Amino acid sequence: MKQREVSPAQIRDRGIEALAKALGPVGMVRFLQQFDTGSGDYTHDREQWLKEISVRDAVGEIKRQRGKSS
């Protein structure tokens, strides 16, 4: 038995229809948002944000914050 070929666009459309039917439009969107890969270079950005902070400073800030919540 030969299966009919389905294009990637058709598979995507059928998947969206199935999600909308099973989850409703809001649930479908929430499900799809879980797969957003984002953009940018987090490692590079983090290095820029933290370049002025030493490990000692970070530990001190953690201890200070923990002391406030106790």
PDB file of N, CA and C in Angstrom:
ATOM      1  N   MET A   1       0.848  -1.176   0.000  1.00  0.00           N
ATOM      2  CA  MET A   1       0.000   0.000   0.000  1.00  0.00           C
ATOM      3  C   MET A   1       0.894   1.240   0.000  1.00  0.00           C
ATOM      4  N   LYS A   2       0.704   2.114  -0.963  1.00  0.00           N
ATOM      5  CA  LYS A   2       1.514   3.320  -1.093  1.00  0.00           C
ATOM      6  C   LYS A   2       0.842   4.480  -0.362  1.00  0.00           C
ATOM      7  N   GLN A   3       1.627   5.165   0.487  1.00  0.00           N
ATOM      8  CA  GLN A   3       1.089   6.316   1.202  1.00  0.00           C
ATOM      9  C   GLN A   3       1.222   7.563   0.345  1.00  0.00           C
ATOM     10  N   ARG A   4       0.235   8.420   0.439  1.00  0.00           N
ATOM     11  CA  ARG A   4       0.264   9.687  -0.279  1.00  0.00           C
ATOM     12  C   ARG A   4       1.268  10.614   0.399  1.00  0.00           C
ATOM     13  N   GLU A   5       2.112  11.256  -0.385  1.00  0.00           N
ATOM     14  CA  GLU A   5       3.083  12.182   0.190  1.00  0.00           C
ATOM     15  C   GLU A   5       2.378  13.454   0.647  1.00  0.00           C
ATOM     16  N   VAL A   6       2.801  13.932   1.781  1.00  0.00           N
ATOM     17  CA  VAL A   6       2.228  15.147   2.350  1.00  0.00           C
ATOM     18  C   VAL A   6       3.370  16.157   2.491  1.00  0.00           C
ATOM     19  N   SER A   7       3.139  17.362   2.031  1.00  0.00           N
ATOM     20  CA  SER A   7       4.171  18.392   2.085  1.00  0.00           C
ATOM     21  C   SER A   7       4.348  18.895   3.521  1.00  0.00           C
ATOM     22  N   PRO A   8       5.500  19.477   3.814  1.00  0.00           N
ATOM     23  CA  PRO A   8       5.702  20.061   5.151  1.00  0.00           C
ATOM     24  C   PRO A   8       4.632  21.100   5.502  1.00  0.00           C
ATOM     25  N   ALA A   9       4.208  21.886   4.528  1.00  0.00           N
ATOM     26  CA  ALA A   9       3.161  22.891   4.790  1.00  0.00           C
ATOM     27  C   ALA A   9       1.846  22.220   5.170  1.00  0.00           C
ATOM     28  N   GLN A  10       1.523  21.108   4.502  1.00  0.00           N
ATOM     29  CA  GLN A  10       0.286  20.396   4.826  1.00  0.00           C
ATOM     30  C   GLN A  10       0.363  19.773   6.220  1.00  0.00           C
ATOM     31  N   ILE A  11       1.506  19.227   6.543  1.00  0.00           N
ATOM     32  CA  ILE A  11       1.684  18.651   7.885  1.00  0.00           C
ATOM     33  C   ILE A  11       1.536  19.739   8.940  1.00  0.00           C
ATOM     34  N   ARG A  12       2.149  20.885   8.702  1.00  0.00           N
ATOM     35  CA  ARG A  12       2.043  21.999   9.646  1.00  0.00           C
ATOM     36  C   ARG A  12       0.594  22.435   9.799  1.00  0.00           C
ATOM     37  N   ASP A  13      -0.117  22.599   8.692  1.00  0.00           N
ATOM     38  CA  ASP A  13      -1.520  23.018   8.744  1.00  0.00           C
ATOM     39  C   ASP A  13      -2.379  22.009   9.504  1.00  0.00           C
ATOM     40  N   ARG A  14      -2.169  20.731   9.229  1.00  0.00           N
ATOM     41  CA  ARG A  14      -2.940  19.694   9.930  1.00  0.00           C
ATOM     42  C   ARG A  14      -2.614  19.676  11.419  1.00  0.00           C
ATOM     43  N   GLY A  15      -1.351  19.890  11.742  1.00  0.00           N
ATOM     44  CA  GLY A  15      -0.953  19.940  13.147  1.00  0.00           C
ATOM     45  C   GLY A  15      -1.598  21.103  13.881  1.00  0.00           C
ATOM     46  N   ILE A  16      -1.614  22.272  13.242  1.00  0.00           N
ATOM     47  CA  ILE A  16      -2.256  23.453  13.844  1.00  0.00           C
ATOM     48  C   ILE A  16      -3.743  23.190  14.040  1.00  0.00           C
ATOM     49  N   GLU A  17      -4.378  22.606  13.045  1.00  0.00           N
ATOM     50  CA  GLU A  17      -5.808  22.288  13.164  1.00  0.00           C
ATOM     51  C   GLU A  17      -6.055  21.317  14.314  1.00  0.00           C
ATOM     52  N   ALA A  18      -5.215  20.296  14.442  1.00  0.00           N
ATOM     53  CA  ALA A  18      -5.385  19.308  15.510  1.00  0.00           C
ATOM     54  C   ALA A  18      -5.181  19.954  16.878  1.00  0.00           C
ATOM     55  N   LEU A  19      -4.167  20.803  16.987  1.00  0.00           N
ATOM     56  CA  LEU A  19      -3.933  21.490  18.261  1.00  0.00           C
ATOM     57  C   LEU A  19      -5.100  22.393  18.627  1.00  0.00           C
ATOM     58  N   ALA A  20      -5.576  23.149  17.664  1.00  0.00           N
ATOM     59  CA  ALA A  20      -6.698  24.057  17.930  1.00  0.00           C
ATOM     60  C   ALA A  20      -7.935  23.273  18.348  1.00  0.00           C
ATOM     61  N   LYS A  21      -8.169  22.137  17.704  1.00  0.00           N
ATOM     62  CA  LYS A  21      -9.340  21.318  18.040  1.00  0.00           C
ATOM     63  C   LYS A  21      -9.196  20.726  19.447  1.00  0.00           C
ATOM     64  N   ALA A  22      -8.002  20.245  19.772  1.00  0.00           N
ATOM     65  CA  ALA A  22      -7.792  19.585  21.060  1.00  0.00           C
ATOM     66  C   ALA A  22      -7.643  20.563  22.219  1.00  0.00           C
ATOM     67  N   LEU A  23      -7.008  21.719  21.962  1.00  0.00           N
ATOM     68  CA  LEU A  23      -6.672  22.633  23.056  1.00  0.00           C
ATOM     69  C   LEU A  23      -7.431  23.953  23.027  1.00  0.00           C
ATOM     70  N   GLY A  24      -8.105  24.230  21.934  1.00  0.00           N
ATOM     71  CA  GLY A  24      -8.726  25.537  21.756  1.00  0.00           C
ATOM     72  C   GLY A  24      -7.669  26.521  21.290  1.00  0.00           C
ATOM     73  N   PRO A  25      -8.090  27.679  20.789  1.00  0.00           N
ATOM     74  CA  PRO A  25      -7.115  28.617  20.232  1.00  0.00           C
ATOM     75  C   PRO A  25      -6.095  29.128  21.243  1.00  0.00           C
ATOM     76  N   VAL A  26      -6.522  29.415  22.456  1.00  0.00           N
ATOM     77  CA  VAL A  26      -5.596  29.937  23.471  1.00  0.00           C
ATOM     78  C   VAL A  26      -4.611  28.848  23.887  1.00  0.00           C
ATOM     79  N   GLY A  27      -5.091  27.658  24.107  1.00  0.00           N
ATOM     80  CA  GLY A  27      -4.217  26.544  24.473  1.00  0.00           C
ATOM     81  C   GLY A  27      -3.224  26.231  23.368  1.00  0.00           C
ATOM     82  N   MET A  28      -3.673  26.318  22.129  1.00  0.00           N
ATOM     83  CA  MET A  28      -2.792  26.073  20.996  1.00  0.00           C
ATOM     84  C   MET A  28      -1.637  27.076  20.999  1.00  0.00           C
ATOM     85  N   VAL A  29      -1.956  28.346  21.181  1.00  0.00           N
ATOM     86  CA  VAL A  29      -0.916  29.375  21.199  1.00  0.00           C
ATOM     87  C   VAL A  29       0.032  29.152  22.369  1.00  0.00           C
ATOM     88  N   ARG A  30      -0.500  28.847  23.536  1.00  0.00           N
ATOM     89  CA  ARG A  30       0.354  28.612  24.701  1.00  0.00           C
ATOM     90  C   ARG A  30       1.282  27.427  24.465  1.00  0.00           C
ATOM     91  N   PHE A  31       0.767  26.379  23.831  1.00  0.00           N
ATOM     92  CA  PHE A  31       1.590  25.217  23.520  1.00  0.00           C
ATOM     93  C   PHE A  31       2.712  25.592  22.559  1.00  0.00           C
ATOM     94  N   LEU A  32       2.385  26.317  21.506  1.00  0.00           N
ATOM     95  CA  LEU A  32       3.377  26.685  20.505  1.00  0.00           C
ATOM     96  C   LEU A  32       4.429  27.633  21.067  1.00  0.00           C
ATOM     97  N   GLN A  33       4.055  28.477  22.021  1.00  0.00           N
ATOM     98  CA  GLN A  33       5.014  29.420  22.606  1.00  0.00           C
ATOM     99  C   GLN A  33       6.115  28.702  23.389  1.00  0.00           C
ATOM    100  N   GLN A  34       5.872  27.484  23.794  1.00  0.00           N
ATOM    101  CA  GLN A  34       6.882  26.735  24.536  1.00  0.00           C
ATOM    102  C   GLN A  34       8.098  26.415  23.681  1.00  0.00           C
ATOM    103  N   PHE A  35       7.957  26.508  22.365  1.00  0.00           N
ATOM    104  CA  PHE A  35       9.028  26.111  21.462  1.00  0.00           C
ATOM    105  C   PHE A  35       9.742  27.298  20.837  1.00  0.00           C
ATOM    106  N   ASP A  36       9.519  28.490  21.363  1.00  0.00           N
ATOM    107  CA  ASP A  36      10.215  29.673  20.856  1.00  0.00           C
ATOM    108  C   ASP A  36      11.681  29.576  21.263  1.00  0.00           C
ATOM    109  N   THR A  37      12.575  29.671  20.305  1.00  0.00           N
ATOM    110  CA  THR A  37      13.998  29.529  20.601  1.00  0.00           C
ATOM    111  C   THR A  37      14.646  30.833  21.020  1.00  0.00           C
ATOM    112  N   GLY A  38      13.942  31.936  20.905  1.00  0.00           N
ATOM    113  CA  GLY A  38      14.509  33.215  21.291  1.00  0.00           C
ATOM    114  C   GLY A  38      15.537  33.683  20.272  1.00  0.00           C
ATOM    115  N   SER A  39      16.281  34.687  20.664  1.00  0.00           N
ATOM    116  CA  SER A  39      17.296  35.198  19.760  1.00  0.00           C
ATOM    117  C   SER A  39      18.453  35.741  20.572  1.00  0.00           C
ATOM    118  N   GLY A  40      19.550  36.015  19.903  1.00  0.00           N
ATOM    119  CA  GLY A  40      20.697  36.589  20.568  1.00  0.00           C
ATOM    120  C   GLY A  40      21.688  35.544  21.035  1.00  0.00           C
ATOM    121  N   ASP A  41      22.685  36.000  21.753  1.00  0.00           N
ATOM    122  CA  ASP A  41      23.748  35.150  22.271  1.00  0.00           C
ATOM    123  C   ASP A  41      23.790  35.348  23.782  1.00  0.00           C
ATOM    124  N   TYR A  42      23.072  34.503  24.505  1.00  0.00           N
ATOM    125  CA  TYR A  42      22.943  34.656  25.947  1.00  0.00           C
ATOM    126  C   TYR A  42      24.310  34.618  26.637  1.00  0.00           C
ATOM    127  N   THR A  43      25.198  33.728  26.190  1.00  0.00           N
ATOM    128  CA  THR A  43      26.504  33.608  26.836  1.00  0.00           C
ATOM    129  C   THR A  43      27.283  34.912  26.714  1.00  0.00           C
ATOM    130  N   HIS A  44      27.304  35.487  25.542  1.00  0.00           N
ATOM    131  CA  HIS A  44      28.005  36.761  25.336  1.00  0.00           C
ATOM    132  C   HIS A  44      27.351  37.864  26.167  1.00  0.00           C
ATOM    133  N   ASP A  45      26.020  37.939  26.114  1.00  0.00           N
ATOM    134  CA  ASP A  45      25.303  38.972  26.868  1.00  0.00           C
ATOM    135  C   ASP A  45      25.560  38.843  28.367  1.00  0.00           C
ATOM    136  N   ARG A  46      25.534  37.607  28.878  1.00  0.00           N
ATOM    137  CA  ARG A  46      25.766  37.380  30.309  1.00  0.00           C
ATOM    138  C   ARG A  46      27.160  37.844  30.694  1.00  0.00           C
ATOM    139  N   GLU A  47      28.149  37.559  29.852  1.00  0.00           N
ATOM    140  CA  GLU A  47      29.514  38.010  30.150  1.00  0.00           C
ATOM    141  C   GLU A  47      29.571  39.536  30.251  1.00  0.00           C
ATOM    142  N   GLN A  48      28.823  40.224  29.395  1.00  0.00           N
ATOM    143  CA  GLN A  48      28.796  41.684  29.443  1.00  0.00           C
ATOM    144  C   GLN A  48      28.121  42.184  30.715  1.00  0.00           C
ATOM    145  N   TRP A  49      27.010  41.542  31.094  1.00  0.00           N
ATOM    146  CA  TRP A  49      26.275  41.977  32.288  1.00  0.00           C
ATOM    147  C   TRP A  49      27.089  41.760  33.554  1.00  0.00           C
ATOM    148  N   LEU A  50      27.861  40.669  33.571  1.00  0.00           N
ATOM    149  CA  LEU A  50      28.543  40.277  34.797  1.00  0.00           C
ATOM    150  C   LEU A  50      30.023  40.640  34.836  1.00  0.00           C
ATOM    151  N   LYS A  51      30.534  41.318  33.835  1.00  0.00           N
ATOM    152  CA  LYS A  51      31.971  41.563  33.778  1.00  0.00           C
ATOM    153  C   LYS A  51      32.483  42.410  34.940  1.00  0.00           C
ATOM    154  N   GLU A  52      31.638  43.202  35.561  1.00  0.00           N
ATOM    155  CA  GLU A  52      32.056  44.058  36.676  1.00  0.00           C
ATOM    156  C   GLU A  52      31.844  43.393  38.032  1.00  0.00           C
ATOM    157  N   ILE A  53      31.278  42.176  38.043  1.00  0.00           N
ATOM    158  CA  ILE A  53      30.928  41.517  39.313  1.00  0.00           C
ATOM    159  C   ILE A  53      31.865  40.340  39.562  1.00  0.00           C
ATOM    160  N   SER A  54      32.519  40.339  40.712  1.00  0.00           N
ATOM    161  CA  SER A  54      33.388  39.221  41.081  1.00  0.00           C
ATOM    162  C   SER A  54      32.554  38.147  41.780  1.00  0.00           C
ATOM    163  N   VAL A  55      33.136  36.970  41.891  1.00  0.00           N
ATOM    164  CA  VAL A  55      32.464  35.889  42.617  1.00  0.00           C
ATOM    165  C   VAL A  55      32.237  36.314  44.064  1.00  0.00           C
ATOM    166  N   ARG A  56      33.216  36.976  44.648  1.00  0.00           N
ATOM    167  CA  ARG A  56      33.093  37.446  46.033  1.00  0.00           C
ATOM    168  C   ARG A  56      31.902  38.399  46.180  1.00  0.00           C
ATOM    169  N   ASP A  57      31.760  39.327  45.213  1.00  0.00           N
ATOM    170  CA  ASP A  57      30.633  40.264  45.242  1.00  0.00           C
ATOM    171  C   ASP A  57      29.303  39.521  45.111  1.00  0.00           C
ATOM    172  N   ALA A  58      29.265  38.529  44.220  1.00  0.00           N
ATOM    173  CA  ALA A  58      28.027  37.775  44.018  1.00  0.00           C
ATOM    174  C   ALA A  58      27.643  37.012  45.275  1.00  0.00           C
ATOM    175  N   VAL A  59      28.611  36.354  45.897  1.00  0.00           N
ATOM    176  CA  VAL A  59      28.335  35.604  47.130  1.00  0.00           C
ATOM    177  C   VAL A  59      27.868  36.551  48.229  1.00  0.00           C
ATOM    178  N   GLY A  60      28.524  37.698  48.341  1.00  0.00           N
ATOM    179  CA  GLY A  60      28.117  38.679  49.345  1.00  0.00           C
ATOM    180  C   GLY A  60      26.690  39.161  49.129  1.00  0.00           C
ATOM    181  N   GLU A  61      26.317  39.399  47.880  1.00  0.00           N
ATOM    182  CA  GLU A  61      24.954  39.834  47.578  1.00  0.00           C
ATOM    183  C   GLU A  61      23.941  38.743  47.901  1.00  0.00           C
ATOM    184  N   ILE A  62      24.276  37.493  47.602  1.00  0.00           N
ATOM    185  CA  ILE A  62      23.379  36.371  47.934  1.00  0.00           C
ATOM    186  C   ILE A  62      23.170  36.305  49.437  1.00  0.00           C
ATOM    187  N   LYS A  63      24.248  36.398  50.187  1.00  0.00           N
ATOM    188  CA  LYS A  63      24.132  36.346  51.649  1.00  0.00           C
ATOM    189  C   LYS A  63      23.316  37.523  52.177  1.00  0.00           C
ATOM    190  N   ARG A  64      23.513  38.694  51.594  1.00  0.00           N
ATOM    191  CA  ARG A  64      22.762  39.880  52.023  1.00  0.00           C
ATOM    192  C   ARG A  64      21.276  39.695  51.758  1.00  0.00           C
ATOM    193  N   GLN A  65      20.933  39.161  50.573  1.00  0.00           N
ATOM    194  CA  GLN A  65      19.534  38.950  50.210  1.00  0.00           C
ATOM    195  C   GLN A  65      18.894  37.881  51.108  1.00  0.00           C
ATOM    196  N   ARG A  66      19.634  36.838  51.394  1.00  0.00           N
ATOM    197  CA  ARG A  66      19.106  35.784  52.272  1.00  0.00           C
ATOM    198  C   ARG A  66      18.859  36.317  53.674  1.00  0.00           C
ATOM    199  N   GLY A  67      19.699  37.198  54.123  1.00  0.00           N
ATOM    200  CA  GLY A  67      19.538  37.789  55.445  1.00  0.00           C
ATOM    201  C   GLY A  67      18.276  38.641  55.535  1.00  0.00           C
ATOM    202  N   LYS A  68      17.909  39.285  54.435  1.00  0.00           N
ATOM    203  CA  LYS A  68      16.694  40.108  54.418  1.00  0.00           C
ATOM    204  C   LYS A  68      15.439  39.270  54.517  1.00  0.00           C
ATOM    205  N   SER A  69      15.460  38.075  53.896  1.00  0.00           N
ATOM    206  CA  SER A  69      14.244  37.262  53.848  1.00  0.00           C
ATOM    207  C   SER A  69      14.044  36.426  55.103  1.00  0.00           C
ATOM    208  N   SER A  70      15.037  36.351  55.960  1.00  0.00           N
ATOM    209  CA  SER A  70      14.927  35.526  57.175  1.00  0.00           C
ATOM    210  C   SER A  70      14.112  36.212  58.238  1.00  0.00           C
TER     211      SER A  70
END
